[in-house]
Amino acid sequence: MKKIDIIIVDDHLLFSQALNGLVSNYEEFNVIKVLNHGKELVDYFSTEKIFPHIVLMDIKMPQMNGIEATQWLKDHYPTIKVLALSMECDEVTILQMLRAGAKGYLLKDIHPKILHHALLEVHNNGFYYTENVTNTLLNSVGISQAKSRINLKDRELEFLKLACSERTYKEIAEVMCLSPKTIENYREALFNKLNAKTRIGLVLYAIKEKIVLL
């Protein structure tokens, strides 16, 4: 069986070595390199000829962080999939990582079986979030998943697409020529329709339903 090649990018040596051992024990996967930060990843692609199928990417790293490195991969090697693996669970960081091109987002305290499943899902299906996202991430950002596509009004769709950008709600109000209070009403209406509790819940729904392409 041909192995699925993995590169691990994480500046915490103890964790990255433990992760290397864990992933190497999965029969489907082969870790070809462990790197310390995004700059080392860029250097690797400029000198090596064996490219990975998946990059397991930390976010907070020196020299070149995970968001920057993921964006670089998206720009230069878009077929290589990035699975974020981080301790960061705040809304802004997750949104930035997804917009940079990450195909999934996991927290570092997940069970090894979830990591194994996520790697397979990313390789086979191209993503691991929304209906397949881990319970850890769902709980950490307070998402309750929408089970099926919901009919949204045109202005709700417009707001949803803008919510997937890095604009603030005030800036979204300016773009839509609406008051902040009206934008707040749109947000609450979508939270109710999609069973979401945070902006990330809206973004994950929009990605899954291909309302936006990040």
C-alpha atoms as a PDB file:
ATOM      1  CA  MET A   1       0.000   0.000   0.000  1.00  0.00           C
ATOM      2  CA  LYS A   2       1.344   3.400  -1.009  1.00  0.00           C
ATOM      3  CA  LYS A   3       1.821   5.609   2.031  1.00  0.00           C
ATOM      4  CA  ILE A   4       0.360   9.086   2.428  1.00  0.00           C
ATOM      5  CA  ASP A   5       3.286  11.449   3.014  1.00  0.00           C
ATOM      6  CA  ILE A   6       3.114  13.931   5.881  1.00  0.00           C
ATOM      7  CA  ILE A   7       5.209  16.914   6.957  1.00  0.00           C
ATOM      8  CA  ILE A   8       4.890  18.188  10.527  1.00  0.00           C
ATOM      9  CA  VAL A   9       5.573  21.882  11.197  1.00  0.00           C
ATOM     10  CA  ASP A  10       5.750  22.761  14.891  1.00  0.00           C
ATOM     11  CA  ASP A  11       8.326  24.635  16.953  1.00  0.00           C
ATOM     12  CA  HIS A  12       7.763  22.641  20.159  1.00  0.00           C
ATOM     13  CA  LEU A  13      10.377  19.902  19.861  1.00  0.00           C
ATOM     14  CA  LEU A  14       8.931  17.510  22.410  1.00  0.00           C
ATOM     15  CA  PHE A  15       5.443  17.727  20.927  1.00  0.00           C
ATOM     16  CA  SER A  16       6.593  17.470  17.310  1.00  0.00           C
ATOM     17  CA  GLN A  17       8.685  14.376  18.040  1.00  0.00           C
ATOM     18  CA  ALA A  18       5.801  12.756  19.891  1.00  0.00           C
ATOM     19  CA  LEU A  19       3.487  13.623  16.998  1.00  0.00           C
ATOM     20  CA  ASN A  20       6.011  12.167  14.567  1.00  0.00           C
ATOM     21  CA  GLY A  21       5.964   8.880  16.450  1.00  0.00           C
ATOM     22  CA  LEU A  22       2.176   8.853  16.638  1.00  0.00           C
ATOM     23  CA  VAL A  23       1.548   9.562  12.955  1.00  0.00           C
ATOM     24  CA  SER A  24       4.300   7.151  11.883  1.00  0.00           C
ATOM     25  CA  ASN A  25       2.452   4.393  13.713  1.00  0.00           C
ATOM     26  CA  TYR A  26      -0.638   4.911  11.566  1.00  0.00           C
ATOM     27  CA  GLU A  27      -0.252   2.314   8.815  1.00  0.00           C
ATOM     28  CA  GLU A  28      -1.492   4.631   6.051  1.00  0.00           C
ATOM     29  CA  PHE A  29       0.948   7.478   6.749  1.00  0.00           C
ATOM     30  CA  ASN A  30       4.628   8.259   6.429  1.00  0.00           C
ATOM     31  CA  VAL A  31       6.246  11.303   8.047  1.00  0.00           C
ATOM     32  CA  ILE A  32       8.893  12.545   5.639  1.00  0.00           C
ATOM     33  CA  LYS A  33      10.041  15.595   7.622  1.00  0.00           C
ATOM     34  CA  VAL A  34       9.575  17.463  10.894  1.00  0.00           C
ATOM     35  CA  LEU A  35      10.186  21.213  10.615  1.00  0.00           C
ATOM     36  CA  ASN A  36      10.309  23.984  13.221  1.00  0.00           C
ATOM     37  CA  HIS A  37       8.495  26.842  11.480  1.00  0.00           C
ATOM     38  CA  GLY A  38       7.104  28.116   8.208  1.00  0.00           C
ATOM     39  CA  LYS A  39      10.421  29.440   6.900  1.00  0.00           C
ATOM     40  CA  GLU A  40      11.899  25.954   7.156  1.00  0.00           C
ATOM     41  CA  LEU A  41       8.893  24.689   5.201  1.00  0.00           C
ATOM     42  CA  VAL A  42       9.507  27.194   2.400  1.00  0.00           C
ATOM     43  CA  ASP A  43      13.195  26.244   2.362  1.00  0.00           C
ATOM     44  CA  TYR A  44      12.277  22.561   2.204  1.00  0.00           C
ATOM     45  CA  PHE A  45      10.180  23.076  -0.930  1.00  0.00           C
ATOM     46  CA  SER A  46      13.014  24.985  -2.590  1.00  0.00           C
ATOM     47  CA  THR A  47      15.557  22.204  -2.051  1.00  0.00           C
ATOM     48  CA  GLU A  48      13.711  18.866  -1.853  1.00  0.00           C
ATOM     49  CA  LYS A  49      11.805  16.891  -4.481  1.00  0.00           C
ATOM     50  CA  ILE A  50       9.630  14.681  -2.269  1.00  0.00           C
ATOM     51  CA  PHE A  51       6.514  16.678  -1.470  1.00  0.00           C
ATOM     52  CA  PRO A  52       3.897  15.737   1.116  1.00  0.00           C
ATOM     53  CA  HIS A  53       0.218  15.075   0.572  1.00  0.00           C
ATOM     54  CA  ILE A  54      -0.658  16.729   3.895  1.00  0.00           C
ATOM     55  CA  VAL A  55       1.065  19.256   6.161  1.00  0.00           C
ATOM     56  CA  LEU A  56       0.214  19.184   9.869  1.00  0.00           C
ATOM     57  CA  MET A  57       0.618  22.852  10.753  1.00  0.00           C
ATOM     58  CA  ASP A  58       0.998  24.611  14.086  1.00  0.00           C
ATOM     59  CA  ILE A  59       0.065  28.304  14.164  1.00  0.00           C
ATOM     60  CA  LYS A  60       2.219  30.241  16.640  1.00  0.00           C
ATOM     61  CA  MET A  61       5.785  29.789  15.398  1.00  0.00           C
ATOM     62  CA  PRO A  62       8.837  32.060  15.001  1.00  0.00           C
ATOM     63  CA  GLN A  63      10.033  33.518  11.686  1.00  0.00           C
ATOM     64  CA  MET A  64       6.946  32.440   9.716  1.00  0.00           C
ATOM     65  CA  ASN A  65       3.747  31.446  11.493  1.00  0.00           C
ATOM     66  CA  GLY A  66       1.228  28.820  10.453  1.00  0.00           C
ATOM     67  CA  ILE A  67      -1.192  31.270   8.853  1.00  0.00           C
ATOM     68  CA  GLU A  68       1.559  32.734   6.665  1.00  0.00           C
ATOM     69  CA  ALA A  69       2.938  29.295   5.797  1.00  0.00           C
ATOM     70  CA  THR A  70      -0.520  27.968   4.921  1.00  0.00           C
ATOM     71  CA  GLN A  71      -1.168  30.948   2.651  1.00  0.00           C
ATOM     72  CA  TRP A  72       2.224  30.359   0.988  1.00  0.00           C
ATOM     73  CA  LEU A  73       1.329  26.721   0.315  1.00  0.00           C
ATOM     74  CA  LYS A  74      -2.068  27.733  -1.043  1.00  0.00           C
ATOM     75  CA  ASP A  75      -0.384  30.185  -3.434  1.00  0.00           C
ATOM     76  CA  HIS A  76       2.460  27.912  -4.579  1.00  0.00           C
ATOM     77  CA  TYR A  77       1.304  24.316  -4.011  1.00  0.00           C
ATOM     78  CA  PRO A  78      -2.508  24.403  -3.846  1.00  0.00           C
ATOM     79  CA  THR A  79      -2.892  20.608  -4.133  1.00  0.00           C
ATOM     80  CA  ILE A  80      -1.093  20.075  -0.816  1.00  0.00           C
ATOM     81  CA  LYS A  81      -3.599  20.001   2.024  1.00  0.00           C
ATOM     82  CA  VAL A  82      -3.007  21.698   5.378  1.00  0.00           C
ATOM     83  CA  LEU A  83      -4.508  20.378   8.595  1.00  0.00           C
ATOM     84  CA  ALA A  84      -4.079  22.875  11.429  1.00  0.00           C
ATOM     85  CA  LEU A  85      -3.115  21.405  14.798  1.00  0.00           C
ATOM     86  CA  SER A  86      -2.904  24.090  17.463  1.00  0.00           C
ATOM     87  CA  MET A  87      -3.729  25.182  20.992  1.00  0.00           C
ATOM     88  CA  GLU A  88      -5.302  28.363  19.589  1.00  0.00           C
ATOM     89  CA  CYS A  89      -9.094  28.228  19.696  1.00  0.00           C
ATOM     90  CA  ASP A  90     -10.092  31.877  19.386  1.00  0.00           C
ATOM     91  CA  GLU A  91     -12.474  32.903  16.633  1.00  0.00           C
ATOM     92  CA  VAL A  92     -10.115  35.258  14.803  1.00  0.00           C
ATOM     93  CA  THR A  93      -7.254  32.743  14.575  1.00  0.00           C
ATOM     94  CA  ILE A  94      -9.502  29.952  13.301  1.00  0.00           C
ATOM     95  CA  LEU A  95     -11.046  32.249  10.711  1.00  0.00           C
ATOM     96  CA  GLN A  96      -7.618  33.429   9.525  1.00  0.00           C
ATOM     97  CA  MET A  97      -6.356  29.869   9.243  1.00  0.00           C
ATOM     98  CA  LEU A  98      -9.383  28.710   7.258  1.00  0.00           C
ATOM     99  CA  ARG A  99      -9.130  31.709   4.941  1.00  0.00           C
ATOM    100  CA  ALA A 100      -5.426  30.985   4.422  1.00  0.00           C
ATOM    101  CA  GLY A 101      -6.402  27.583   3.043  1.00  0.00           C
ATOM    102  CA  ALA A 102      -6.432  25.079   5.903  1.00  0.00           C
ATOM    103  CA  LYS A 103      -8.678  22.096   5.158  1.00  0.00           C
ATOM    104  CA  GLY A 104      -9.304  21.362   8.810  1.00  0.00           C
ATOM    105  CA  TYR A 105      -8.607  22.652  12.289  1.00  0.00           C
ATOM    106  CA  LEU A 106      -7.857  20.476  15.323  1.00  0.00           C
ATOM    107  CA  LEU A 107      -6.825  21.247  18.868  1.00  0.00           C
ATOM    108  CA  LYS A 108      -3.728  19.560  20.253  1.00  0.00           C
ATOM    109  CA  ASP A 109      -5.519  17.782  23.075  1.00  0.00           C
ATOM    110  CA  ILE A 110      -7.618  15.610  20.738  1.00  0.00           C
ATOM    111  CA  HIS A 111      -7.686  11.820  20.960  1.00  0.00           C
ATOM    112  CA  PRO A 112      -5.234  10.052  18.589  1.00  0.00           C
ATOM    113  CA  LYS A 113      -8.165   8.275  16.903  1.00  0.00           C
ATOM    114  CA  ILE A 114      -9.652  11.651  15.933  1.00  0.00           C
ATOM    115  CA  LEU A 115      -6.339  12.768  14.432  1.00  0.00           C
ATOM    116  CA  HIS A 116      -6.121   9.524  12.459  1.00  0.00           C
ATOM    117  CA  HIS A 117      -9.665   9.963  11.164  1.00  0.00           C
ATOM    118  CA  ALA A 118      -9.079  13.632  10.333  1.00  0.00           C
ATOM    119  CA  LEU A 119      -5.952  12.842   8.306  1.00  0.00           C
ATOM    120  CA  LEU A 120      -7.839  10.219   6.321  1.00  0.00           C
ATOM    121  CA  GLU A 121     -10.779  12.579   5.751  1.00  0.00           C
ATOM    122  CA  VAL A 122      -8.503  15.390   4.559  1.00  0.00           C
ATOM    123  CA  HIS A 123      -6.668  13.058   2.194  1.00  0.00           C
ATOM    124  CA  ASN A 124      -9.743  11.265   0.839  1.00  0.00           C
ATOM    125  CA  ASN A 125     -12.389  13.986   0.892  1.00  0.00           C
ATOM    126  CA  GLY A 126     -10.354  17.193   0.931  1.00  0.00           C
ATOM    127  CA  PHE A 127     -11.566  18.633   4.229  1.00  0.00           C
ATOM    128  CA  TYR A 128     -12.366  17.942   7.875  1.00  0.00           C
ATOM    129  CA  TYR A 129     -14.780  20.422   9.390  1.00  0.00           C
ATOM    130  CA  THR A 130     -18.468  21.218   9.914  1.00  0.00           C
ATOM    131  CA  GLU A 131     -20.281  17.862  10.067  1.00  0.00           C
ATOM    132  CA  ASN A 132     -16.979  16.033  10.425  1.00  0.00           C
ATOM    133  CA  VAL A 133     -15.242  18.546  12.676  1.00  0.00           C
ATOM    134  CA  THR A 134     -14.082  17.241  16.038  1.00  0.00           C
ATOM    135  CA  ASN A 135     -16.237  17.628  19.135  1.00  0.00           C
ATOM    136  CA  THR A 136     -13.301  19.379  20.760  1.00  0.00           C
ATOM    137  CA  LEU A 137     -13.368  22.236  18.263  1.00  0.00           C
ATOM    138  CA  LEU A 138     -17.153  22.398  18.282  1.00  0.00           C
ATOM    139  CA  ASN A 139     -17.273  22.697  22.053  1.00  0.00           C
ATOM    140  CA  SER A 140     -14.427  25.189  22.232  1.00  0.00           C
ATOM    141  CA  VAL A 141     -16.097  27.688  19.905  1.00  0.00           C
ATOM    142  CA  GLY A 142     -19.688  26.844  20.825  1.00  0.00           C
ATOM    143  CA  ILE A 143     -20.926  25.574  17.483  1.00  0.00           C
ATOM    144  CA  SER A 144     -24.093  23.529  17.129  1.00  0.00           C
ATOM    145  CA  GLN A 145     -24.052  22.114  13.632  1.00  0.00           C
ATOM    146  CA  ALA A 146     -26.701  22.835  11.043  1.00  0.00           C
ATOM    147  CA  LYS A 147     -27.880  19.491   9.682  1.00  0.00           C
ATOM    148  CA  SER A 148     -28.846  20.519   6.172  1.00  0.00           C
ATOM    149  CA  ARG A 149     -28.856  23.423   3.725  1.00  0.00           C
ATOM    150  CA  ILE A 150     -31.116  26.222   4.929  1.00  0.00           C
ATOM    151  CA  ASN A 151     -32.937  28.601   2.612  1.00  0.00           C
ATOM    152  CA  LEU A 152     -31.505  32.055   3.165  1.00  0.00           C
ATOM    153  CA  LYS A 153     -32.706  35.401   1.874  1.00  0.00           C
ATOM    154  CA  ASP A 154     -30.496  37.365  -0.522  1.00  0.00           C
ATOM    155  CA  ARG A 155     -29.423  39.873   2.116  1.00  0.00           C
ATOM    156  CA  GLU A 156     -28.730  37.087   4.595  1.00  0.00           C
ATOM    157  CA  LEU A 157     -26.491  35.430   2.014  1.00  0.00           C
ATOM    158  CA  GLU A 158     -24.732  38.728   1.401  1.00  0.00           C
ATOM    159  CA  PHE A 159     -24.146  39.152   5.119  1.00  0.00           C
ATOM    160  CA  LEU A 160     -22.951  35.526   5.458  1.00  0.00           C
ATOM    161  CA  LYS A 161     -20.383  35.967   2.690  1.00  0.00           C
ATOM    162  CA  LEU A 162     -19.098  39.176   4.289  1.00  0.00           C
ATOM    163  CA  ALA A 163     -18.957  37.448   7.684  1.00  0.00           C
ATOM    164  CA  CYS A 164     -16.499  34.988   6.123  1.00  0.00           C
ATOM    165  CA  SER A 165     -14.093  37.861   5.495  1.00  0.00           C
ATOM    166  CA  GLU A 166     -11.978  39.513   8.158  1.00  0.00           C
ATOM    167  CA  ARG A 167     -14.200  42.608   8.232  1.00  0.00           C
ATOM    168  CA  THR A 168     -15.615  43.661  11.568  1.00  0.00           C
ATOM    169  CA  TYR A 169     -19.385  43.786  11.977  1.00  0.00           C
ATOM    170  CA  LYS A 170     -19.159  47.584  11.814  1.00  0.00           C
ATOM    171  CA  GLU A 171     -17.321  47.370   8.486  1.00  0.00           C
ATOM    172  CA  ILE A 172     -19.898  44.870   7.192  1.00  0.00           C
ATOM    173  CA  ALA A 173     -22.626  47.354   8.089  1.00  0.00           C
ATOM    174  CA  GLU A 174     -20.841  50.031   6.026  1.00  0.00           C
ATOM    175  CA  VAL A 175     -20.441  47.723   3.009  1.00  0.00           C
ATOM    176  CA  MET A 176     -24.118  46.741   3.133  1.00  0.00           C
ATOM    177  CA  CYS A 177     -25.224  50.344   3.815  1.00  0.00           C
ATOM    178  CA  LEU A 178     -27.073  49.230   6.928  1.00  0.00           C
ATOM    179  CA  SER A 179     -26.993  50.251  10.565  1.00  0.00           C
ATOM    180  CA  PRO A 180     -24.946  48.216  13.071  1.00  0.00           C
ATOM    181  CA  LYS A 181     -28.229  47.290  14.762  1.00  0.00           C
ATOM    182  CA  THR A 182     -29.609  45.820  11.533  1.00  0.00           C
ATOM    183  CA  ILE A 183     -26.384  43.847  11.056  1.00  0.00           C
ATOM    184  CA  GLU A 184     -26.746  42.555  14.596  1.00  0.00           C
ATOM    185  CA  ASN A 185     -30.263  41.407  13.704  1.00  0.00           C
ATOM    186  CA  TYR A 186     -28.970  39.578  10.601  1.00  0.00           C
ATOM    187  CA  ARG A 187     -26.310  37.891  12.719  1.00  0.00           C
ATOM    188  CA  GLU A 188     -28.799  36.739  15.342  1.00  0.00           C
ATOM    189  CA  ALA A 189     -31.215  35.532  12.659  1.00  0.00           C
ATOM    190  CA  LEU A 190     -28.496  33.404  11.063  1.00  0.00           C
ATOM    191  CA  PHE A 191     -27.366  32.088  14.445  1.00  0.00           C
ATOM    192  CA  ASN A 192     -30.933  30.889  14.976  1.00  0.00           C
ATOM    193  CA  LYS A 193     -31.427  29.474  11.469  1.00  0.00           C
ATOM    194  CA  LEU A 194     -28.087  27.634  11.391  1.00  0.00           C
ATOM    195  CA  ASN A 195     -27.987  26.629  15.065  1.00  0.00           C
ATOM    196  CA  ALA A 196     -24.663  28.439  15.403  1.00  0.00           C
ATOM    197  CA  LYS A 197     -23.395  30.330  18.436  1.00  0.00           C
ATOM    198  CA  THR A 198     -20.338  32.060  16.963  1.00  0.00           C
ATOM    199  CA  ARG A 199     -19.101  33.631  13.748  1.00  0.00           C
ATOM    200  CA  ILE A 200     -16.944  30.553  13.150  1.00  0.00           C
ATOM    201  CA  GLY A 201     -20.114  28.486  13.063  1.00  0.00           C
ATOM    202  CA  LEU A 202     -21.379  30.702  10.234  1.00  0.00           C
ATOM    203  CA  VAL A 203     -18.073  30.397   8.369  1.00  0.00           C
ATOM    204  CA  LEU A 204     -17.924  26.614   8.653  1.00  0.00           C
ATOM    205  CA  TYR A 205     -21.490  26.331   7.361  1.00  0.00           C
ATOM    206  CA  ALA A 206     -20.692  28.632   4.424  1.00  0.00           C
ATOM    207  CA  ILE A 207     -17.610  26.575   3.522  1.00  0.00           C
ATOM    208  CA  LYS A 208     -19.441  23.259   3.726  1.00  0.00           C
ATOM    209  CA  GLU A 209     -22.323  24.471   1.575  1.00  0.00           C
ATOM    210  CA  LYS A 210     -19.880  26.119  -0.891  1.00  0.00           C
ATOM    211  CA  ILE A 211     -21.465  29.509  -0.301  1.00  0.00           C
ATOM    212  CA  VAL A 212     -17.895  30.783  -0.106  1.00  0.00           C
ATOM    213  CA  LEU A 213     -14.709  29.284  -1.511  1.00  0.00           C
ATOM    214  CA  LEU A 214     -11.735  30.090   0.722  1.00  0.00           C
END
